[in-house]
């Protein structure tokens, strides 16, 4: 997992966020572990 902007996220989550033009720092992180594609999708649904 790469750390960009201090945010831990899976590669698929980074790709999805980039495709939708959102900053991973805006996506609420899970209780533990990196931000996943599911977290990004949940953020997009609420946006």
N, C-alpha and C. Protein backbone atom coordinates (compact mmCIF):
# COMPACT_ATOMS: atom_id res chain seq x y z
N UNK A 1 0.84 -1.19 0.00
CA UNK A 1 0.00 0.00 0.00
C UNK A 1 0.87 1.24 0.00
N UNK A 2 0.52 2.16 -0.84
CA UNK A 2 1.27 3.42 -0.90
C UNK A 2 0.63 4.43 0.03
N UNK A 3 1.45 5.34 0.49
CA UNK A 3 0.95 6.45 1.29
C UNK A 3 1.14 7.72 0.49
N UNK A 4 0.06 8.35 0.15
CA UNK A 4 0.12 9.64 -0.53
C UNK A 4 -0.70 10.60 0.31
N UNK A 5 -0.17 11.76 0.55
CA UNK A 5 -0.87 12.75 1.37
C UNK A 5 -1.18 12.20 2.75
N UNK A 6 -0.41 11.20 3.22
CA UNK A 6 -0.63 10.64 4.54
C UNK A 6 -1.85 9.75 4.64
N UNK A 7 -2.43 9.35 3.51
CA UNK A 7 -3.63 8.52 3.51
C UNK A 7 -3.26 7.12 3.05
N UNK A 8 -3.64 6.12 3.85
CA UNK A 8 -3.41 4.72 3.44
C UNK A 8 -4.62 4.26 2.65
N UNK A 9 -4.38 3.75 1.45
CA UNK A 9 -5.47 3.28 0.60
C UNK A 9 -4.96 2.19 -0.33
N UNK A 10 -5.86 1.31 -0.72
CA UNK A 10 -5.50 0.25 -1.66
C UNK A 10 -5.35 0.86 -3.05
N UNK A 11 -4.61 0.19 -3.92
CA UNK A 11 -4.45 0.71 -5.29
C UNK A 11 -5.78 0.90 -6.02
N UNK A 12 -6.72 -0.02 -5.82
CA UNK A 12 -8.01 0.12 -6.50
C UNK A 12 -8.79 1.31 -5.96
N UNK A 13 -8.66 1.60 -4.67
CA UNK A 13 -9.32 2.77 -4.09
C UNK A 13 -8.71 4.05 -4.65
N UNK A 14 -7.40 4.08 -4.78
CA UNK A 14 -6.73 5.26 -5.36
C UNK A 14 -7.17 5.49 -6.80
N UNK A 15 -7.23 4.41 -7.57
CA UNK A 15 -7.63 4.52 -8.97
C UNK A 15 -9.06 5.05 -9.08
N UNK A 16 -9.97 4.50 -8.29
CA UNK A 16 -11.37 4.92 -8.34
C UNK A 16 -11.51 6.39 -7.93
N UNK A 17 -10.82 6.79 -6.88
CA UNK A 17 -10.87 8.19 -6.44
C UNK A 17 -10.33 9.11 -7.53
N UNK A 18 -9.24 8.72 -8.15
CA UNK A 18 -8.65 9.53 -9.23
C UNK A 18 -9.62 9.64 -10.41
N UNK A 19 -10.27 8.53 -10.78
CA UNK A 19 -11.21 8.53 -11.90
C UNK A 19 -12.39 9.46 -11.64
N UNK A 20 -12.77 9.61 -10.38
CA UNK A 20 -13.92 10.46 -10.03
C UNK A 20 -13.51 11.85 -9.55
N UNK A 21 -12.21 12.10 -9.55
CA UNK A 21 -11.73 13.43 -9.18
C UNK A 21 -11.93 13.80 -7.73
N UNK A 22 -11.87 12.81 -6.85
CA UNK A 22 -12.02 13.12 -5.42
C UNK A 22 -10.70 12.87 -4.70
N UNK A 23 -10.51 13.60 -3.62
CA UNK A 23 -9.30 13.44 -2.80
C UNK A 23 -9.55 12.33 -1.78
N UNK A 24 -8.61 11.44 -1.65
CA UNK A 24 -8.76 10.37 -0.67
C UNK A 24 -8.86 10.92 0.75
N UNK A 25 -8.31 12.08 0.98
CA UNK A 25 -8.41 12.67 2.32
C UNK A 25 -9.84 13.07 2.66
N UNK A 26 -10.72 13.14 1.66
CA UNK A 26 -12.14 13.45 1.91
C UNK A 26 -12.96 12.21 2.24
N UNK A 27 -12.42 11.03 1.96
CA UNK A 27 -13.13 9.77 2.19
C UNK A 27 -12.93 9.34 3.64
N UNK A 28 -14.01 9.14 4.39
CA UNK A 28 -13.86 8.69 5.77
C UNK A 28 -13.15 7.33 5.82
N UNK A 29 -12.09 7.22 6.60
CA UNK A 29 -11.36 5.95 6.66
C UNK A 29 -12.13 4.91 7.48
N UNK A 30 -11.88 3.64 7.22
CA UNK A 30 -12.51 2.59 8.04
C UNK A 30 -11.91 2.60 9.44
N UNK A 31 -12.52 1.85 10.34
CA UNK A 31 -12.04 1.79 11.73
C UNK A 31 -10.58 1.34 11.79
N UNK A 32 -10.23 0.40 10.94
CA UNK A 32 -8.83 -0.02 10.87
C UNK A 32 -8.51 -0.44 9.45
N UNK A 33 -7.26 -0.31 9.10
CA UNK A 33 -6.82 -0.67 7.76
C UNK A 33 -6.93 0.49 6.79
N UNK A 34 -6.53 0.24 5.56
CA UNK A 34 -6.53 1.29 4.54
C UNK A 34 -7.92 1.55 3.97
N UNK A 35 -8.07 2.67 3.32
CA UNK A 35 -9.30 2.97 2.58
C UNK A 35 -9.38 1.99 1.42
N UNK A 36 -10.56 1.41 1.22
CA UNK A 36 -10.75 0.44 0.15
C UNK A 36 -11.68 1.01 -0.91
N UNK A 37 -11.79 0.26 -2.00
CA UNK A 37 -12.70 0.66 -3.08
C UNK A 37 -14.12 0.80 -2.53
N UNK A 38 -14.52 -0.06 -1.62
CA UNK A 38 -15.86 0.01 -1.03
C UNK A 38 -16.06 1.33 -0.29
N UNK A 39 -15.04 1.80 0.42
CA UNK A 39 -15.13 3.08 1.13
C UNK A 39 -15.32 4.24 0.15
N UNK A 40 -14.59 4.19 -0.96
CA UNK A 40 -14.71 5.25 -1.97
C UNK A 40 -16.10 5.22 -2.59
N UNK A 41 -16.62 4.03 -2.90
CA UNK A 41 -17.96 3.92 -3.47
C UNK A 41 -19.02 4.45 -2.50
N UNK A 42 -18.87 4.14 -1.22
CA UNK A 42 -19.82 4.63 -0.22
C UNK A 42 -19.78 6.15 -0.16
N UNK A 43 -18.59 6.72 -0.23
CA UNK A 43 -18.45 8.18 -0.23
C UNK A 43 -19.14 8.78 -1.45
N UNK A 44 -18.95 8.17 -2.61
CA UNK A 44 -19.56 8.68 -3.84
C UNK A 44 -21.08 8.63 -3.77
N UNK A 45 -21.63 7.58 -3.17
CA UNK A 45 -23.08 7.46 -3.04
C UNK A 45 -23.67 8.55 -2.16
N UNK A 46 -22.94 8.95 -1.13
CA UNK A 46 -23.43 9.96 -0.19
C UNK A 46 -23.19 11.38 -0.68
N UNK A 47 -22.30 11.52 -1.64
CA UNK A 47 -21.92 12.84 -2.13
C UNK A 47 -23.02 13.48 -2.94
